[in-house]
Amino acid sequence: MPTRIAFEFETPGGTSPGSPGGTPRGRHTTSLTYERRGSGAPLLLLHGIGHHWQAWEPVLDILAAERDVIAVDLPGFGASDGLPQGCAYDLTTVTPVLAAFCTAIGVERPHVAGNSLGGLLSLRLGHEKAVRSVTALSPAGFWTESERRYAFGTLRAMRGAALSLPVPLIDRLSRTPAGRTVLTSTIYARPGRRSPEAVVAETHALREATGFHQTLAAGRTVLFRDDVPSLPVTIAWGTRDRLLLRRQGVRAKQAIPGARLVRLPGCGHVPMNDDPALVARVILDGSSTD
């Protein structure tokens, strides 16, 4: 069963790219919801914008056979609280939140794997040496300006559609492969494989994501161009990613020369459901302590 924990975090103040106002320096309180399974080396899982920890459900039990897996709802998404008033949803703020969350649950420098926004946050945690290794699945932040505008426009359209669809229609669409394609084909290459219950739940998560617009606003000028030295880094990209095109993986490799760049054949932007066995193996290899 998911757990909810309240904790304090400290922000350094100032601004980071994409956060015009920034967050004032000081201590703040928030609470996050997370699912924890398994045993072994700790592995933190970070989902993408508009999603929730259940995005990792297809691979959770595979990973939990070898890792102490912690899948968390990011601030303003899923069942987690939004950030306190005055806090920007930028890297400078959310990264300390995640570091403080790990401390609050008794985890020191976990391995981390993230998808999309979660991949960007994972790389930032790696750059700050707050984690042992990084596996980033289609991470944000390696786009050109036109690619960023396309991705953000697509995300806004998805959010608008989720808000406009009547709940009974979402339920009906989820019951057929064609309907699940309508609801989720932007992020999954094989949307028919997603269960009706999961599609309904993640559509509601997108509708109710209180941090959605603030997170997009904070990402307008984000470009990740920092190396992540002295840590194992894996960057994996689905060959059928329709949101962040796979050529962005080449730029990620150029920014982080020591990273292992992996293709995920037949996978979309959120690859965990498209090929759970492959994605789990990539994460386990990336977080190996051997």
C-alpha atoms as a PDB file:
ATOM      1  CA  MET A   1       0.000   0.000   0.000  1.00  0.00           C
ATOM      2  CA  PRO A   2       1.260   3.513  -0.782  1.00  0.00           C
ATOM      3  CA  THR A   3       2.625   5.556   2.106  1.00  0.00           C
ATOM      4  CA  ARG A   4       2.431   9.296   2.674  1.00  0.00           C
ATOM      5  CA  ILE A   5       5.181  11.151   4.538  1.00  0.00           C
ATOM      6  CA  ALA A   6       5.521  14.796   5.570  1.00  0.00           C
ATOM      7  CA  PHE A   7       8.988  16.321   5.835  1.00  0.00           C
ATOM      8  CA  GLU A   8      10.936  19.562   5.699  1.00  0.00           C
ATOM      9  CA  PHE A   9      13.200  20.638   2.861  1.00  0.00           C
ATOM     10  CA  GLU A  10      15.512  23.573   2.418  1.00  0.00           C
ATOM     11  CA  THR A  11      15.872  25.604  -0.759  1.00  0.00           C
ATOM     12  CA  PRO A  12      19.018  27.558  -1.612  1.00  0.00           C
ATOM     13  CA  GLY A  13      17.098  30.516  -3.001  1.00  0.00           C
ATOM     14  CA  GLY A  14      17.700  32.261  -6.287  1.00  0.00           C
ATOM     15  CA  THR A  15      16.553  30.965  -9.657  1.00  0.00           C
ATOM     16  CA  SER A  16      17.292  28.191 -12.062  1.00  0.00           C
ATOM     17  CA  PRO A  17      16.627  28.058 -15.822  1.00  0.00           C
ATOM     18  CA  GLY A  18      12.915  28.286 -16.511  1.00  0.00           C
ATOM     19  CA  SER A  19      11.932  29.759 -13.146  1.00  0.00           C
ATOM     20  CA  PRO A  20      11.500  33.540 -13.534  1.00  0.00           C
ATOM     21  CA  GLY A  21      10.635  34.104  -9.879  1.00  0.00           C
ATOM     22  CA  GLY A  22      12.592  31.312  -8.283  1.00  0.00           C
ATOM     23  CA  THR A  23      11.973  30.092  -4.735  1.00  0.00           C
ATOM     24  CA  PRO A  24      12.920  32.082  -1.644  1.00  0.00           C
ATOM     25  CA  ARG A  25      15.701  30.653   0.468  1.00  0.00           C
ATOM     26  CA  GLY A  26      14.486  28.862   3.577  1.00  0.00           C
ATOM     27  CA  ARG A  27      12.835  25.797   5.054  1.00  0.00           C
ATOM     28  CA  HIS A  28       9.491  24.520   3.856  1.00  0.00           C
ATOM     29  CA  THR A  29       7.237  21.550   4.542  1.00  0.00           C
ATOM     30  CA  THR A  30       5.488  19.239   2.094  1.00  0.00           C
ATOM     31  CA  SER A  31       4.343  15.631   1.868  1.00  0.00           C
ATOM     32  CA  LEU A  32       4.830  13.010  -0.823  1.00  0.00           C
ATOM     33  CA  THR A  33       3.163   9.664  -1.491  1.00  0.00           C
ATOM     34  CA  TYR A  34       5.233   6.651  -2.469  1.00  0.00           C
ATOM     35  CA  GLU A  35       5.138   2.906  -3.001  1.00  0.00           C
ATOM     36  CA  ARG A  36       7.977   0.790  -1.606  1.00  0.00           C
ATOM     37  CA  ARG A  37       8.650  -2.855  -2.420  1.00  0.00           C
ATOM     38  CA  GLY A  38      11.461  -5.386  -2.374  1.00  0.00           C
ATOM     39  CA  SER A  39      14.884  -5.507  -0.796  1.00  0.00           C
ATOM     40  CA  GLY A  40      18.459  -4.834  -1.795  1.00  0.00           C
ATOM     41  CA  ALA A  41      20.137  -1.636  -2.921  1.00  0.00           C
ATOM     42  CA  PRO A  42      17.682   1.296  -2.835  1.00  0.00           C
ATOM     43  CA  LEU A  43      16.288   2.424  -6.191  1.00  0.00           C
ATOM     44  CA  LEU A  44      14.246   5.621  -6.496  1.00  0.00           C
ATOM     45  CA  LEU A  45      11.790   5.808  -9.439  1.00  0.00           C
ATOM     46  CA  LEU A  46      10.614   9.184 -10.805  1.00  0.00           C
ATOM     47  CA  HIS A  47       7.717   9.475 -13.274  1.00  0.00           C
ATOM     48  CA  GLY A  48       7.035  12.076 -15.954  1.00  0.00           C
ATOM     49  CA  ILE A  49       4.830  15.170 -16.015  1.00  0.00           C
ATOM     50  CA  GLY A  50       1.140  14.482 -15.504  1.00  0.00           C
ATOM     51  CA  HIS A  51       1.734  10.878 -14.489  1.00  0.00           C
ATOM     52  CA  HIS A  52       1.944   9.135 -11.104  1.00  0.00           C
ATOM     53  CA  TRP A  53       4.013   6.417  -9.438  1.00  0.00           C
ATOM     54  CA  GLN A  54       1.795   3.738 -10.998  1.00  0.00           C
ATOM     55  CA  ALA A  55       3.509   4.415 -14.343  1.00  0.00           C
ATOM     56  CA  TRP A  56       6.191   2.060 -12.979  1.00  0.00           C
ATOM     57  CA  GLU A  57       3.749  -0.719 -12.046  1.00  0.00           C
ATOM     58  CA  PRO A  58       4.638  -2.911 -15.086  1.00  0.00           C
ATOM     59  CA  VAL A  59       8.257  -3.187 -13.881  1.00  0.00           C
ATOM     60  CA  LEU A  60       7.919  -2.778 -10.112  1.00  0.00           C
ATOM     61  CA  ASP A  61       7.818  -6.420  -9.117  1.00  0.00           C
ATOM     62  CA  ILE A  62      10.641  -7.332 -11.503  1.00  0.00           C
ATOM     63  CA  LEU A  63      12.818  -4.611  -9.994  1.00  0.00           C
ATOM     64  CA  ALA A  64      11.724  -5.425  -6.448  1.00  0.00           C
ATOM     65  CA  ALA A  65      13.133  -8.934  -6.801  1.00  0.00           C
ATOM     66  CA  GLU A  66      16.615  -7.349  -6.719  1.00  0.00           C
ATOM     67  CA  ARG A  67      16.192  -3.809  -5.379  1.00  0.00           C
ATOM     68  CA  ASP A  68      14.537  -1.876  -2.562  1.00  0.00           C
ATOM     69  CA  VAL A  69      12.252   0.045  -4.915  1.00  0.00           C
ATOM     70  CA  ILE A  70      10.733   3.419  -3.996  1.00  0.00           C
ATOM     71  CA  ALA A  71       8.310   4.813  -6.610  1.00  0.00           C
ATOM     72  CA  VAL A  72       7.262   8.330  -5.607  1.00  0.00           C
ATOM     73  CA  ASP A  73       4.578  10.754  -6.780  1.00  0.00           C
ATOM     74  CA  LEU A  74       6.410  13.976  -7.637  1.00  0.00           C
ATOM     75  CA  PRO A  75       5.238  17.232  -6.006  1.00  0.00           C
ATOM     76  CA  GLY A  76       1.920  18.318  -7.495  1.00  0.00           C
ATOM     77  CA  PHE A  77       1.243  14.949  -9.144  1.00  0.00           C
ATOM     78  CA  GLY A  78      -0.564  11.779  -8.182  1.00  0.00           C
ATOM     79  CA  ALA A  79      -1.466  11.754  -4.501  1.00  0.00           C
ATOM     80  CA  SER A  80       1.413  14.027  -3.420  1.00  0.00           C
ATOM     81  CA  ASP A  81       0.919  17.581  -2.207  1.00  0.00           C
ATOM     82  CA  GLY A  82       1.844  20.488  -4.374  1.00  0.00           C
ATOM     83  CA  LEU A  83       4.795  22.621  -3.378  1.00  0.00           C
ATOM     84  CA  PRO A  84       4.195  25.298  -0.733  1.00  0.00           C
ATOM     85  CA  GLN A  85       3.024  28.680  -1.969  1.00  0.00           C
ATOM     86  CA  GLY A  86       5.888  30.702  -3.387  1.00  0.00           C
ATOM     87  CA  CYS A  87       7.960  27.665  -4.393  1.00  0.00           C
ATOM     88  CA  ALA A  88       8.743  27.296  -8.090  1.00  0.00           C
ATOM     89  CA  TYR A  89       8.483  23.876  -9.724  1.00  0.00           C
ATOM     90  CA  ASP A  90      12.036  24.139 -11.024  1.00  0.00           C
ATOM     91  CA  LEU A  91      15.153  22.001 -10.710  1.00  0.00           C
ATOM     92  CA  THR A  92      16.580  24.189  -7.960  1.00  0.00           C
ATOM     93  CA  THR A  93      13.514  23.513  -5.810  1.00  0.00           C
ATOM     94  CA  VAL A  94      12.364  19.994  -6.709  1.00  0.00           C
ATOM     95  CA  THR A  95      15.845  18.462  -6.435  1.00  0.00           C
ATOM     96  CA  PRO A  96      16.204  19.399  -2.732  1.00  0.00           C
ATOM     97  CA  VAL A  97      12.664  18.120  -2.152  1.00  0.00           C
ATOM     98  CA  LEU A  98      13.646  14.694  -3.492  1.00  0.00           C
ATOM     99  CA  ALA A  99      16.900  14.661  -1.529  1.00  0.00           C
ATOM    100  CA  ALA A 100      15.014  15.543   1.667  1.00  0.00           C
ATOM    101  CA  PHE A 101      12.412  12.883   0.904  1.00  0.00           C
ATOM    102  CA  CYS A 102      15.140  10.228   0.696  1.00  0.00           C
ATOM    103  CA  THR A 103      16.524  11.372   4.037  1.00  0.00           C
ATOM    104  CA  ALA A 104      13.038  11.281   5.587  1.00  0.00           C
ATOM    105  CA  ILE A 105      12.522   7.632   4.587  1.00  0.00           C
ATOM    106  CA  GLY A 106      16.006   6.626   5.710  1.00  0.00           C
ATOM    107  CA  VAL A 107      17.642   6.204   2.300  1.00  0.00           C
ATOM    108  CA  GLU A 108      21.115   7.593   1.570  1.00  0.00           C
ATOM    109  CA  ARG A 109      22.247   8.085  -2.033  1.00  0.00           C
ATOM    110  CA  PRO A 110      19.924   5.635  -3.801  1.00  0.00           C
ATOM    111  CA  HIS A 111      20.209   4.566  -7.384  1.00  0.00           C
ATOM    112  CA  VAL A 112      17.674   6.533  -9.416  1.00  0.00           C
ATOM    113  CA  ALA A 113      15.726   5.865 -12.598  1.00  0.00           C
ATOM    114  CA  GLY A 114      13.410   8.415 -14.160  1.00  0.00           C
ATOM    115  CA  ASN A 115      11.242   8.879 -17.222  1.00  0.00           C
ATOM    116  CA  SER A 116      10.852  12.186 -19.095  1.00  0.00           C
ATOM    117  CA  LEU A 117      10.654  14.889 -16.388  1.00  0.00           C
ATOM    118  CA  GLY A 118      11.756  12.183 -13.960  1.00  0.00           C
ATOM    119  CA  GLY A 119      14.760  11.483 -16.182  1.00  0.00           C
ATOM    120  CA  LEU A 120      15.763  15.148 -16.109  1.00  0.00           C
ATOM    121  CA  LEU A 121      15.436  15.206 -12.318  1.00  0.00           C
ATOM    122  CA  SER A 122      17.469  11.990 -12.101  1.00  0.00           C
ATOM    123  CA  LEU A 123      20.298  13.552 -14.093  1.00  0.00           C
ATOM    124  CA  ARG A 124      20.220  16.651 -11.895  1.00  0.00           C
ATOM    125  CA  LEU A 125      20.442  14.455  -8.791  1.00  0.00           C
ATOM    126  CA  GLY A 126      23.372  12.665 -10.419  1.00  0.00           C
ATOM    127  CA  HIS A 127      25.111  15.925 -11.250  1.00  0.00           C
ATOM    128  CA  GLU A 128      24.840  16.886  -7.579  1.00  0.00           C
ATOM    129  CA  LYS A 129      26.175  13.468  -6.466  1.00  0.00           C
ATOM    130  CA  ALA A 130      22.991  12.830  -4.475  1.00  0.00           C
ATOM    131  CA  VAL A 131      22.592   9.335  -6.018  1.00  0.00           C
ATOM    132  CA  ARG A 132      24.771   6.303  -6.796  1.00  0.00           C
ATOM    133  CA  SER A 133      23.773   5.851 -10.428  1.00  0.00           C
ATOM    134  CA  VAL A 134      21.323   7.306 -12.965  1.00  0.00           C
ATOM    135  CA  THR A 135      19.113   5.612 -15.525  1.00  0.00           C
ATOM    136  CA  ALA A 136      17.177   8.169 -17.597  1.00  0.00           C
ATOM    137  CA  LEU A 137      14.422   6.989 -19.954  1.00  0.00           C
ATOM    138  CA  SER A 138      13.696   9.636 -22.624  1.00  0.00           C
ATOM    139  CA  PRO A 139      14.801  12.452 -20.295  1.00  0.00           C
ATOM    140  CA  ALA A 140      13.579  15.990 -20.859  1.00  0.00           C
ATOM    141  CA  GLY A 141      16.022  18.833 -21.444  1.00  0.00           C
ATOM    142  CA  PHE A 142      17.870  17.761 -24.609  1.00  0.00           C
ATOM    143  CA  TRP A 143      15.501  19.402 -27.065  1.00  0.00           C
ATOM    144  CA  THR A 144      15.853  22.216 -29.560  1.00  0.00           C
ATOM    145  CA  GLU A 145      13.472  25.110 -29.037  1.00  0.00           C
ATOM    146  CA  SER A 146      11.133  23.855 -31.775  1.00  0.00           C
ATOM    147  CA  GLU A 147      11.171  20.352 -30.273  1.00  0.00           C
ATOM    148  CA  ARG A 148      10.396  21.775 -26.846  1.00  0.00           C
ATOM    149  CA  ARG A 149       7.459  23.802 -28.195  1.00  0.00           C
ATOM    150  CA  TYR A 150       6.118  20.709 -29.963  1.00  0.00           C
ATOM    151  CA  ALA A 151       6.402  18.582 -26.803  1.00  0.00           C
ATOM    152  CA  PHE A 152       4.826  21.224 -24.561  1.00  0.00           C
ATOM    153  CA  GLY A 153       2.011  21.820 -27.054  1.00  0.00           C
ATOM    154  CA  THR A 154       1.329  18.090 -27.182  1.00  0.00           C
ATOM    155  CA  LEU A 155       1.296  17.868 -23.385  1.00  0.00           C
ATOM    156  CA  ARG A 156      -1.119  20.790 -23.109  1.00  0.00           C
ATOM    157  CA  ALA A 157      -3.386  19.144 -25.689  1.00  0.00           C
ATOM    158  CA  MET A 158      -3.318  15.876 -23.715  1.00  0.00           C
ATOM    159  CA  ARG A 159      -4.199  17.722 -20.527  1.00  0.00           C
ATOM    160  CA  GLY A 160      -6.978  19.633 -22.273  1.00  0.00           C
ATOM    161  CA  ALA A 161      -8.444  16.435 -23.691  1.00  0.00           C
ATOM    162  CA  ALA A 162      -8.312  14.718 -20.293  1.00  0.00           C
ATOM    163  CA  LEU A 163     -10.118  17.662 -18.696  1.00  0.00           C
ATOM    164  CA  SER A 164     -12.764  17.901 -21.404  1.00  0.00           C
ATOM    165  CA  LEU A 165     -13.734  14.230 -21.628  1.00  0.00           C
ATOM    166  CA  PRO A 166     -16.683  13.254 -19.423  1.00  0.00           C
ATOM    167  CA  VAL A 167     -15.744  10.630 -16.850  1.00  0.00           C
ATOM    168  CA  PRO A 168     -18.242   8.049 -18.236  1.00  0.00           C
ATOM    169  CA  LEU A 169     -16.661   8.447 -21.697  1.00  0.00           C
ATOM    170  CA  ILE A 170     -13.162   7.869 -20.284  1.00  0.00           C
ATOM    171  CA  ASP A 171     -14.459   4.676 -18.672  1.00  0.00           C
ATOM    172  CA  ARG A 172     -16.032   3.485 -21.941  1.00  0.00           C
ATOM    173  CA  LEU A 173     -12.956   4.283 -24.045  1.00  0.00           C
ATOM    174  CA  SER A 174     -10.686   2.426 -21.648  1.00  0.00           C
ATOM    175  CA  ARG A 175     -12.561  -0.853 -22.209  1.00  0.00           C
ATOM    176  CA  THR A 176     -11.381  -1.372 -25.807  1.00  0.00           C
ATOM    177  CA  PRO A 177      -7.916  -1.388 -27.409  1.00  0.00           C
ATOM    178  CA  ALA A 178      -9.073   1.300 -29.848  1.00  0.00           C
ATOM    179  CA  GLY A 179     -10.289   3.491 -26.999  1.00  0.00           C
ATOM    180  CA  ARG A 180      -7.062   3.055 -25.059  1.00  0.00           C
ATOM    181  CA  THR A 181      -5.226   4.091 -28.222  1.00  0.00           C
ATOM    182  CA  VAL A 182      -7.266   7.309 -28.326  1.00  0.00           C
ATOM    183  CA  LEU A 183      -6.409   8.054 -24.701  1.00  0.00           C
ATOM    184  CA  THR A 184      -2.737   7.046 -24.505  1.00  0.00           C
ATOM    185  CA  SER A 185      -1.117   6.550 -27.934  1.00  0.00           C
ATOM    186  CA  THR A 186       0.955   9.717 -27.523  1.00  0.00           C
ATOM    187  CA  ILE A 187       3.000   8.136 -24.752  1.00  0.00           C
ATOM    188  CA  TYR A 188       2.717   4.379 -25.416  1.00  0.00           C
ATOM    189  CA  ALA A 189       3.753   2.583 -28.590  1.00  0.00           C
ATOM    190  CA  ARG A 190       1.476  -0.326 -27.642  1.00  0.00           C
ATOM    191  CA  PRO A 191      -1.456   1.355 -25.863  1.00  0.00           C
ATOM    192  CA  GLY A 192      -3.667  -1.726 -26.229  1.00  0.00           C
ATOM    193  CA  ARG A 193      -1.443  -3.503 -23.708  1.00  0.00           C
ATOM    194  CA  ARG A 194      -2.289  -1.013 -20.948  1.00  0.00           C
ATOM    195  CA  SER A 195      -5.060  -2.283 -18.699  1.00  0.00           C
ATOM    196  CA  PRO A 196      -8.401  -0.429 -18.695  1.00  0.00           C
ATOM    197  CA  GLU A 197      -8.017   0.317 -14.986  1.00  0.00           C
ATOM    198  CA  ALA A 198      -4.544   1.789 -15.477  1.00  0.00           C
ATOM    199  CA  VAL A 199      -5.703   3.980 -18.375  1.00  0.00           C
ATOM    200  CA  VAL A 200      -8.598   5.369 -16.345  1.00  0.00           C
ATOM    201  CA  ALA A 201      -6.347   6.016 -13.353  1.00  0.00           C
ATOM    202  CA  GLU A 202      -3.646   7.822 -15.321  1.00  0.00           C
ATOM    203  CA  THR A 203      -6.193   9.900 -17.242  1.00  0.00           C
ATOM    204  CA  HIS A 204      -7.605  11.044 -13.906  1.00  0.00           C
ATOM    205  CA  ALA A 205      -4.053  11.694 -12.665  1.00  0.00           C
ATOM    206  CA  LEU A 206      -3.463  13.981 -15.658  1.00  0.00           C
ATOM    207  CA  ARG A 207      -6.766  15.777 -15.028  1.00  0.00           C
ATOM    208  CA  GLU A 208      -5.969  16.352 -11.366  1.00  0.00           C
ATOM    209  CA  ALA A 209      -2.248  17.210 -11.593  1.00  0.00           C
ATOM    210  CA  THR A 210      -2.052  20.455  -9.614  1.00  0.00           C
ATOM    211  CA  GLY A 211       1.595  20.984 -10.564  1.00  0.00           C
ATOM    212  CA  PHE A 212       1.128  20.569 -14.312  1.00  0.00           C
ATOM    213  CA  HIS A 213       1.141  24.180 -15.522  1.00  0.00           C
ATOM    214  CA  GLN A 214       3.767  25.341 -13.032  1.00  0.00           C
ATOM    215  CA  THR A 215       6.069  22.504 -14.088  1.00  0.00           C
ATOM    216  CA  LEU A 216       5.683  23.375 -17.772  1.00  0.00           C
ATOM    217  CA  ALA A 217       6.318  27.040 -16.988  1.00  0.00           C
ATOM    218  CA  ALA A 218       9.492  26.138 -15.098  1.00  0.00           C
ATOM    219  CA  GLY A 219      10.703  24.074 -18.053  1.00  0.00           C
ATOM    220  CA  ARG A 220      10.441  26.696 -20.772  1.00  0.00           C
ATOM    221  CA  THR A 221      14.177  27.479 -20.862  1.00  0.00           C
ATOM    222  CA  VAL A 222      15.576  24.271 -19.385  1.00  0.00           C
ATOM    223  CA  LEU A 223      18.479  22.725 -21.265  1.00  0.00           C
ATOM    224  CA  PHE A 224      20.534  20.016 -19.587  1.00  0.00           C
ATOM    225  CA  ARG A 225      24.096  20.476 -20.769  1.00  0.00           C
ATOM    226  CA  ASP A 226      26.002  19.426 -17.636  1.00  0.00           C
ATOM    227  CA  ASP A 227      28.190  16.358 -17.510  1.00  0.00           C
ATOM    228  CA  VAL A 228      27.513  13.773 -14.797  1.00  0.00           C
ATOM    229  CA  PRO A 229      31.046  12.548 -14.117  1.00  0.00           C
ATOM    230  CA  SER A 230      32.135   9.781 -11.772  1.00  0.00           C
ATOM    231  CA  LEU A 231      28.721   8.081 -11.764  1.00  0.00           C
ATOM    232  CA  PRO A 232      27.304   5.263 -13.901  1.00  0.00           C
ATOM    233  CA  VAL A 233      24.773   6.909 -16.244  1.00  0.00           C
ATOM    234  CA  THR A 234      22.466   5.093 -18.665  1.00  0.00           C
ATOM    235  CA  ILE A 235      20.303   6.986 -21.139  1.00  0.00           C
ATOM    236  CA  ALA A 236      17.651   4.910 -22.912  1.00  0.00           C
ATOM    237  CA  TRP A 237      15.311   6.041 -25.675  1.00  0.00           C
ATOM    238  CA  GLY A 238      12.323   4.335 -27.263  1.00  0.00           C
ATOM    239  CA  THR A 239      12.563   4.013 -31.031  1.00  0.00           C
ATOM    240  CA  ARG A 240       8.866   4.953 -31.257  1.00  0.00           C
ATOM    241  CA  ASP A 241       8.934   7.915 -28.890  1.00  0.00           C
ATOM    242  CA  ARG A 242       6.469  10.426 -30.364  1.00  0.00           C
ATOM    243  CA  LEU A 243       6.862  13.111 -27.708  1.00  0.00           C
ATOM    244  CA  LEU A 244      10.641  13.530 -27.300  1.00  0.00           C
ATOM    245  CA  LEU A 245      12.155  12.280 -30.537  1.00  0.00           C
ATOM    246  CA  ARG A 246      14.982   9.781 -30.181  1.00  0.00           C
ATOM    247  CA  ARG A 247      17.572  12.040 -31.861  1.00  0.00           C
ATOM    248  CA  GLN A 248      17.603  13.884 -28.547  1.00  0.00           C
ATOM    249  CA  GLY A 249      19.381  10.846 -27.123  1.00  0.00           C
ATOM    250  CA  VAL A 250      22.391  11.669 -29.308  1.00  0.00           C
ATOM    251  CA  ARG A 251      22.540  15.137 -27.755  1.00  0.00           C
ATOM    252  CA  ALA A 252      22.307  13.588 -24.300  1.00  0.00           C
ATOM    253  CA  LYS A 253      25.291  11.381 -25.112  1.00  0.00           C
ATOM    254  CA  GLN A 254      27.231  14.416 -26.341  1.00  0.00           C
ATOM    255  CA  ALA A 255      26.511  16.267 -23.089  1.00  0.00           C
ATOM    256  CA  ILE A 256      27.368  13.229 -20.942  1.00  0.00           C
ATOM    257  CA  PRO A 257      30.144  11.436 -22.868  1.00  0.00           C
ATOM    258  CA  GLY A 258      30.543   8.687 -20.292  1.00  0.00           C
ATOM    259  CA  ALA A 259      26.884   7.686 -20.458  1.00  0.00           C
ATOM    260  CA  ARG A 260      25.727   4.369 -21.898  1.00  0.00           C
ATOM    261  CA  LEU A 261      23.175   5.108 -24.649  1.00  0.00           C
ATOM    262  CA  VAL A 262      20.613   2.329 -25.146  1.00  0.00           C
ATOM    263  CA  ARG A 263      17.900   1.878 -27.777  1.00  0.00           C
ATOM    264  CA  LEU A 264      14.523   0.528 -26.678  1.00  0.00           C
ATOM    265  CA  PRO A 265      13.154  -1.060 -29.863  1.00  0.00           C
ATOM    266  CA  GLY A 266       9.416  -0.676 -30.336  1.00  0.00           C
ATOM    267  CA  CYS A 267       8.963   1.451 -27.203  1.00  0.00           C
ATOM    268  CA  GLY A 268       7.246   4.797 -26.883  1.00  0.00           C
ATOM    269  CA  HIS A 269       7.863   7.744 -24.599  1.00  0.00           C
ATOM    270  CA  VAL A 270       6.773   5.864 -21.468  1.00  0.00           C
ATOM    271  CA  PRO A 271       8.444   2.524 -22.228  1.00  0.00           C
ATOM    272  CA  MET A 272       7.749   0.609 -19.009  1.00  0.00           C
ATOM    273  CA  ASN A 273       4.436  -0.741 -20.296  1.00  0.00           C
ATOM    274  CA  ASP A 274       5.601  -1.325 -23.879  1.00  0.00           C
ATOM    275  CA  ASP A 275       8.393  -3.737 -22.933  1.00  0.00           C
ATOM    276  CA  PRO A 276       8.585  -4.319 -19.163  1.00  0.00           C
ATOM    277  CA  ALA A 277      11.257  -7.019 -19.342  1.00  0.00           C
ATOM    278  CA  LEU A 278      13.616  -4.902 -21.461  1.00  0.00           C
ATOM    279  CA  VAL A 279      13.124  -1.741 -19.409  1.00  0.00           C
ATOM    280  CA  ALA A 280      13.606  -3.596 -16.132  1.00  0.00           C
ATOM    281  CA  ARG A 281      16.821  -5.149 -17.432  1.00  0.00           C
ATOM    282  CA  VAL A 282      18.157  -1.757 -18.527  1.00  0.00           C
ATOM    283  CA  ILE A 283      17.414  -0.302 -15.077  1.00  0.00           C
ATOM    284  CA  LEU A 284      18.900  -3.260 -13.220  1.00  0.00           C
ATOM    285  CA  ASP A 285      22.040  -3.172 -15.361  1.00  0.00           C
ATOM    286  CA  GLY A 286      22.292   0.601 -14.884  1.00  0.00           C
ATOM    287  CA  SER A 287      21.978   0.276 -11.111  1.00  0.00           C
ATOM    288  CA  SER A 288      24.263  -2.706 -10.735  1.00  0.00           C
ATOM    289  CA  THR A 289      26.710  -2.532  -7.839  1.00  0.00           C
ATOM    290  CA  ASP A 290      29.074  -5.099  -9.434  1.00  0.00           C
END
